[in-house]
Amino acid sequence: MNRHVEVSSIREGVYILWYLGYTDLASLYASGSERELLRFNGAINRLIEQILTENDKSEIIRNFLENQGMYRKYCVDETIASWFSHDEKSSVFFWLYLLKKFRDQQLGDEILFLAGNRYHDKKIVCDKNNSKITVNELPIRTPDNPKKCFMAGLYILDLLSFSPDKLQRTLDEIKIDYSHIRDLRRKDFAWFTDTGPEDVKWVWKQFNGHPNLLNNINKWDLSESLLSQAIPLLYYLWDGREDTKALYLNTLRKRYANMKHRKKVADKAPVNIRISPGAKNTLVKLEKRFNRNRADVIEYLIEKTWAELNQKN
């Protein structure tokens, strides 16, 4: 038997190695470009040679070719999912939708169960020490940009090995859901635009502290570079009642505003004064005219008056 094998794409090699249980090698190349295909094929064949050296009766090549046939039967044509790659937020949503739907109960087992093919019972593999480990690692676990999110989503769909009809239904569901939330996001999360890194971390901490929002996943392995895009999307992916979600979001918005206010006034000195009703009415009018809160208006008037006095002197 020919001891040399060859994959035609990075995705094909990752799929085969994942199902054979070599998840570390699969993950190593999963984020690579097709320019690394030659090196990837070399790494795969070195792995096979090592296995055959240790056990010349190994069925690694036959198993490899069987998995290769399965991939070519079930792999996802990237063009049918290309709608999600045209917009950064839709790429992130594409990945998060699949990740949240199929990761909650150990993605590896879930994929093998949902695939409905002959890999249904292959839930464990042997590591180098012959101990049993659960296959629950994704090829790309922590994408750090929307392009990698799109690829990570394709890997999940590849591993699920859906029939063409089920694959199309799944893609349609994701597209409809994203189209629905796109406009809602602008309104519901207007307060979350232009947030700094520390503010994003603060909101993320609130999400992780909620018992149900992330379906009991205490900490998602999300890149900090994606958090500002992922937070609103995860809110809409939360399977809570609409009134419960609306109440939480309203509370979160108020807590966020209070947090920002506390930061803003942390170095401010309190001033307690009493003024006439007429002066108070004028102050209210100035607040509306300048579109500022009372403290900002008073501070502005003091600085303006002081600057004018210095100019006269």
Protein backbone atom coordinates (compact mmCIF):
# COMPACT_ATOMS: atom_id res chain seq x y z
CA MET A 1 0.00 0.00 0.00
CA ASN A 2 1.18 3.51 -0.83
CA ARG A 3 2.44 5.06 2.42
CA HIS A 4 1.95 8.60 1.13
CA VAL A 5 -1.32 10.53 1.39
CA GLU A 6 -2.28 14.01 0.25
CA VAL A 7 -5.03 16.47 1.14
CA SER A 8 -6.28 19.04 -1.34
CA SER A 9 -6.98 21.82 1.19
CA ILE A 10 -6.24 22.90 4.77
CA ARG A 11 -9.89 22.28 5.71
CA GLU A 12 -9.76 18.75 4.37
CA GLY A 13 -6.64 17.91 6.36
CA VAL A 14 -8.05 19.46 9.53
CA TYR A 15 -11.30 17.49 9.19
CA ILE A 16 -9.47 14.18 8.74
CA LEU A 17 -7.02 14.73 11.59
CA TRP A 18 -9.84 15.86 13.91
CA TYR A 19 -11.87 12.72 13.31
CA LEU A 20 -8.78 10.55 13.71
CA GLY A 21 -8.17 12.17 17.09
CA TYR A 22 -5.06 14.22 16.24
CA THR A 23 -6.66 17.49 17.31
CA ASP A 24 -3.40 19.24 18.27
CA LEU A 25 -1.96 18.93 14.76
CA ALA A 26 -5.34 19.87 13.27
CA SER A 27 -5.51 23.03 15.39
CA LEU A 28 -1.91 23.95 14.55
CA TYR A 29 -2.72 24.36 10.86
CA ALA A 30 -6.43 25.28 11.05
CA SER A 31 -5.80 29.04 10.89
CA GLY A 32 -3.22 28.77 8.13
CA SER A 33 -3.61 29.80 4.51
CA GLU A 34 -3.56 27.49 1.52
CA ARG A 35 0.05 28.56 0.96
CA GLU A 36 0.92 26.28 3.87
CA LEU A 37 -0.74 23.26 2.23
CA LEU A 38 2.55 21.69 1.12
CA ARG A 39 3.99 21.96 4.63
CA PHE A 40 0.73 20.61 6.08
CA ASN A 41 0.87 17.55 3.81
CA GLY A 42 4.45 17.00 4.94
CA ALA A 43 3.41 17.12 8.61
CA ILE A 44 0.55 14.66 7.97
CA ASN A 45 2.82 12.19 6.24
CA ARG A 46 5.48 12.44 8.96
CA LEU A 47 2.75 11.61 11.47
CA ILE A 48 1.70 8.58 9.42
CA GLU A 49 5.30 7.39 9.11
CA GLN A 50 5.73 7.67 12.88
CA ILE A 51 2.57 5.64 13.49
CA LEU A 52 3.60 2.95 11.00
CA THR A 53 7.08 2.78 12.53
CA GLU A 54 5.55 2.14 15.95
CA ASN A 55 2.99 -0.32 14.60
CA ASP A 56 3.48 -1.68 11.09
CA LYS A 57 -0.02 -3.22 11.18
CA SER A 58 -1.67 0.10 11.85
CA GLU A 59 -4.71 0.91 9.73
CA ILE A 60 -3.92 4.61 9.79
CA ILE A 61 -3.77 4.98 6.00
CA ARG A 62 -7.04 3.14 5.43
CA ASN A 63 -8.71 5.19 8.17
CA PHE A 64 -7.24 8.36 6.68
CA LEU A 65 -8.61 7.61 3.22
CA GLU A 66 -12.04 6.69 4.63
CA ASN A 67 -12.23 10.02 6.44
CA GLN A 68 -11.04 11.80 3.33
CA GLY A 69 -13.95 10.27 1.44
CA MET A 70 -16.35 11.41 4.16
CA TYR A 71 -15.04 14.95 3.99
CA ARG A 72 -15.42 15.14 0.24
CA LYS A 73 -18.99 13.92 0.63
CA TYR A 74 -20.05 16.29 3.43
CA CYS A 75 -17.73 19.32 3.24
CA VAL A 76 -19.37 22.73 3.06
CA ASP A 77 -18.95 24.68 -0.16
CA GLU A 78 -17.65 28.02 1.08
CA THR A 79 -19.57 29.92 -1.59
CA ILE A 80 -22.98 28.97 -0.16
CA ALA A 81 -21.99 30.57 3.15
CA SER A 82 -20.20 33.54 1.58
CA TRP A 83 -23.02 35.92 2.59
CA PHE A 84 -21.61 35.85 6.13
CA SER A 85 -18.09 36.78 5.02
CA HIS A 86 -19.07 40.10 3.43
CA ASP A 87 -19.69 41.89 6.72
CA GLU A 88 -17.52 41.71 9.84
CA LYS A 89 -20.41 41.50 12.30
CA SER A 90 -22.19 38.82 10.29
CA SER A 91 -18.98 36.75 10.25
CA VAL A 92 -18.77 36.96 14.03
CA PHE A 93 -22.47 36.12 14.38
CA PHE A 94 -22.08 33.15 12.02
CA TRP A 95 -19.43 31.65 14.29
CA LEU A 96 -21.12 32.55 17.58
CA TYR A 97 -24.45 31.09 16.45
CA LEU A 98 -22.86 27.74 15.63
CA LEU A 99 -20.56 27.80 18.65
CA LYS A 100 -23.36 28.54 21.09
CA LYS A 101 -25.78 26.07 19.54
CA PHE A 102 -23.41 23.14 19.36
CA ARG A 103 -20.86 23.76 22.11
CA ASP A 104 -23.01 23.91 25.22
CA GLN A 105 -22.82 20.15 25.91
CA GLN A 106 -19.28 19.34 24.85
CA LEU A 107 -19.09 20.12 21.17
CA GLY A 108 -17.07 17.05 20.27
CA ASP A 109 -19.72 14.63 21.50
CA GLU A 110 -22.49 16.82 20.12
CA ILE A 111 -20.96 16.84 16.65
CA LEU A 112 -20.48 13.09 16.64
CA PHE A 113 -24.07 12.58 17.76
CA LEU A 114 -25.61 15.02 15.30
CA ALA A 115 -23.52 13.88 12.36
CA GLY A 116 -25.64 10.72 12.13
CA ASN A 117 -22.91 8.80 10.32
CA ARG A 118 -20.67 5.89 11.24
CA TYR A 119 -18.57 8.07 13.54
CA HIS A 120 -21.54 8.28 15.91
CA ASP A 121 -19.90 6.12 18.58
CA LYS A 122 -16.38 7.46 18.22
CA LYS A 123 -16.43 9.70 21.29
CA ILE A 124 -13.01 8.88 22.71
CA VAL A 125 -9.51 8.38 21.37
CA CYS A 126 -6.28 7.21 22.98
CA ASP A 127 -3.58 9.71 23.76
CA LYS A 128 0.11 8.88 23.87
CA ASN A 129 -0.25 7.43 27.38
CA ASN A 130 -3.19 5.24 26.29
CA SER A 131 -5.54 7.10 28.59
CA LYS A 132 -8.99 8.06 27.36
CA ILE A 133 -9.70 11.64 26.41
CA THR A 134 -12.89 13.20 25.13
CA VAL A 135 -12.72 14.70 21.67
CA ASN A 136 -14.11 18.16 22.40
CA GLU A 137 -11.55 20.55 20.91
CA LEU A 138 -12.45 22.80 17.99
CA PRO A 139 -9.96 23.33 15.14
CA ILE A 140 -10.11 27.12 15.78
CA ARG A 141 -11.05 27.81 19.38
CA THR A 142 -10.29 31.49 19.74
CA PRO A 143 -10.46 33.41 16.46
CA ASP A 144 -9.17 36.95 16.86
CA ASN A 145 -10.70 38.58 13.79
CA PRO A 146 -13.90 38.27 11.71
CA LYS A 147 -12.17 36.40 8.87
CA LYS A 148 -11.05 33.68 11.28
CA CYS A 149 -14.57 33.65 12.77
CA PHE A 150 -15.94 32.79 9.34
CA MET A 151 -13.41 29.98 8.95
CA ALA A 152 -14.13 28.70 12.48
CA GLY A 153 -17.82 28.53 11.58
CA LEU A 154 -17.04 26.56 8.42
CA TYR A 155 -15.04 24.04 10.46
CA ILE A 156 -18.00 23.47 12.77
CA LEU A 157 -20.28 22.87 9.79
CA ASP A 158 -17.72 20.53 8.21
CA LEU A 159 -17.54 18.45 11.38
CA LEU A 160 -21.32 18.31 11.74
CA SER A 161 -21.51 16.64 8.31
CA PHE A 162 -25.07 17.81 7.66
CA SER A 163 -27.06 16.70 4.66
CA PRO A 164 -27.37 19.41 1.97
CA ASP A 165 -30.96 20.17 3.01
CA LYS A 166 -30.14 20.48 6.71
CA LEU A 167 -27.06 22.56 5.92
CA GLN A 168 -29.12 24.99 3.84
CA ARG A 169 -31.80 25.22 6.53
CA THR A 170 -29.14 26.00 9.14
CA LEU A 171 -27.57 28.71 6.99
CA ASP A 172 -30.99 30.22 6.29
CA GLU A 173 -31.79 30.27 10.02
CA ILE A 174 -28.56 32.10 10.80
CA LYS A 175 -29.11 34.64 8.00
CA ILE A 176 -32.71 35.35 9.08
CA ASP A 177 -31.72 35.74 12.73
CA TYR A 178 -28.88 38.10 11.87
CA SER A 179 -31.07 40.20 9.56
CA HIS A 180 -33.60 40.51 12.37
CA ILE A 181 -31.13 41.73 14.98
CA ARG A 182 -29.11 44.02 12.73
CA ASP A 183 -31.49 46.96 13.17
CA LEU A 184 -32.33 46.10 16.79
CA ARG A 185 -28.67 46.24 17.68
CA ARG A 186 -28.34 49.87 16.60
CA LYS A 187 -31.19 50.86 18.90
CA ASP A 188 -30.69 48.53 21.87
CA PHE A 189 -26.93 49.01 22.07
CA ALA A 190 -26.60 52.66 21.09
CA TRP A 191 -25.06 53.21 24.53
CA PHE A 192 -22.39 50.59 23.75
CA THR A 193 -20.92 52.32 20.71
CA ASP A 194 -17.54 54.03 21.04
CA THR A 195 -16.75 52.13 24.23
CA GLY A 196 -13.15 51.83 25.32
CA PRO A 197 -11.39 48.51 26.07
CA GLU A 198 -11.90 48.82 29.84
CA ASP A 199 -15.60 49.54 29.41
CA VAL A 200 -15.96 46.52 27.11
CA LYS A 201 -14.28 44.33 29.73
CA TRP A 202 -16.66 45.67 32.36
CA VAL A 203 -19.72 44.71 30.30
CA TRP A 204 -18.20 41.31 29.50
CA LYS A 205 -17.72 40.70 33.21
CA GLN A 206 -21.43 41.38 33.72
CA PHE A 207 -22.30 38.86 31.00
CA ASN A 208 -20.10 36.20 32.57
CA GLY A 209 -21.65 36.89 35.96
CA HIS A 210 -25.17 36.15 34.70
CA PRO A 211 -26.26 32.55 35.50
CA ASN A 212 -28.14 31.94 32.23
CA LEU A 213 -27.07 34.40 29.56
CA LEU A 214 -24.20 32.22 28.35
CA ASN A 215 -26.02 28.96 29.13
CA ASN A 216 -23.98 28.20 32.23
CA ILE A 217 -20.66 28.58 30.44
CA ASN A 218 -18.69 30.46 33.05
CA LYS A 219 -16.11 31.84 30.69
CA TRP A 220 -16.10 31.85 26.93
CA ASP A 221 -12.70 31.82 25.28
CA LEU A 222 -13.25 34.99 23.26
CA SER A 223 -10.48 37.21 22.00
CA GLU A 224 -10.50 40.69 23.51
CA SER A 225 -10.34 42.10 19.98
CA LEU A 226 -13.77 40.59 19.27
CA LEU A 227 -15.57 41.37 22.53
CA SER A 228 -17.08 44.69 21.43
CA GLN A 229 -18.69 42.98 18.43
CA ALA A 230 -19.57 39.74 20.22
CA ILE A 231 -21.32 41.18 23.29
CA PRO A 232 -24.46 42.53 21.56
CA LEU A 233 -24.67 39.43 19.35
CA LEU A 234 -24.50 37.08 22.33
CA TYR A 235 -27.31 39.01 23.98
CA TYR A 236 -29.58 38.23 21.02
CA LEU A 237 -28.44 34.59 21.03
CA TRP A 238 -29.53 34.26 24.65
CA ASP A 239 -32.47 31.85 24.83
CA GLY A 240 -34.25 33.81 27.56
CA ARG A 241 -37.77 35.20 27.57
CA GLU A 242 -38.06 38.53 25.79
CA ASP A 243 -39.30 40.37 28.88
CA THR A 244 -36.46 38.88 30.94
CA LYS A 245 -33.91 39.95 28.34
CA ALA A 246 -35.35 43.45 28.06
CA LEU A 247 -35.29 43.90 31.84
CA TYR A 248 -31.68 42.69 32.04
CA LEU A 249 -30.57 44.98 29.21
CA ASN A 250 -32.29 47.98 30.78
CA THR A 251 -30.66 47.24 34.14
CA LEU A 252 -27.29 46.74 32.48
CA ARG A 253 -27.61 50.03 30.62
CA LYS A 254 -28.34 51.89 33.85
CA ARG A 255 -25.49 50.19 35.70
CA TYR A 256 -23.17 51.05 32.82
CA ALA A 257 -24.25 54.70 32.93
CA ASN A 258 -23.70 54.79 36.71
CA MET A 259 -20.28 53.20 36.30
CA LYS A 260 -19.29 55.76 33.69
CA HIS A 261 -20.61 58.60 35.88
CA ARG A 262 -18.64 57.38 38.90
CA LYS A 263 -15.50 57.30 36.79
CA LYS A 264 -16.19 60.78 35.48
CA VAL A 265 -16.73 62.36 38.90
CA ALA A 266 -14.09 60.34 40.73
CA ASP A 267 -11.74 63.33 40.84
CA LYS A 268 -14.46 65.98 41.21
CA ALA A 269 -14.98 67.99 44.41
CA PRO A 270 -18.56 68.17 45.79
CA VAL A 271 -20.12 71.66 46.20
CA ASN A 272 -23.33 72.14 48.19
CA ILE A 273 -25.08 75.46 47.54
CA ARG A 274 -28.54 77.00 47.67
CA ILE A 275 -29.69 79.36 44.90
CA SER A 276 -32.84 81.39 44.25
CA PRO A 277 -35.76 79.84 42.29
CA GLY A 278 -35.09 82.26 39.42
CA ALA A 279 -31.43 81.26 39.21
CA LYS A 280 -32.45 77.61 39.29
CA ASN A 281 -34.88 78.11 36.41
CA THR A 282 -32.15 79.82 34.41
CA LEU A 283 -29.79 76.93 35.19
CA VAL A 284 -32.35 74.44 33.87
CA LYS A 285 -32.66 76.47 30.65
CA LEU A 286 -28.86 76.48 30.27
CA GLU A 287 -28.79 72.70 30.71
CA LYS A 288 -31.21 72.35 27.81
CA ARG A 289 -29.42 74.98 25.70
CA PHE A 290 -26.00 73.36 26.15
CA ASN A 291 -27.38 69.81 26.26
CA ARG A 292 -25.26 69.11 29.34
CA ASN A 293 -25.95 67.98 32.87
CA ARG A 294 -26.07 70.45 35.74
CA ALA A 295 -22.58 69.81 37.05
CA ASP A 296 -21.07 70.28 33.57
CA VAL A 297 -22.98 73.54 33.04
CA ILE A 298 -21.84 74.99 36.39
CA GLU A 299 -18.25 73.93 35.72
CA TYR A 300 -18.42 75.43 32.23
CA LEU A 301 -19.79 78.76 33.52
CA ILE A 302 -17.12 78.99 36.22
CA GLU A 303 -14.26 78.31 33.77
CA LYS A 304 -15.74 80.69 31.18
CA THR A 305 -16.12 83.51 33.72
CA TRP A 306 -12.63 82.99 35.07
CA ALA A 307 -11.15 83.06 31.57
CA GLU A 308 -12.97 86.29 30.74
CA LEU A 309 -11.75 87.93 33.98
CA ASN A 310 -8.16 86.96 33.19
CA GLN A 311 -8.48 88.45 29.73
CA LYS A 312 -9.60 91.79 31.20
CA ASN A 313 -6.67 91.80 33.59
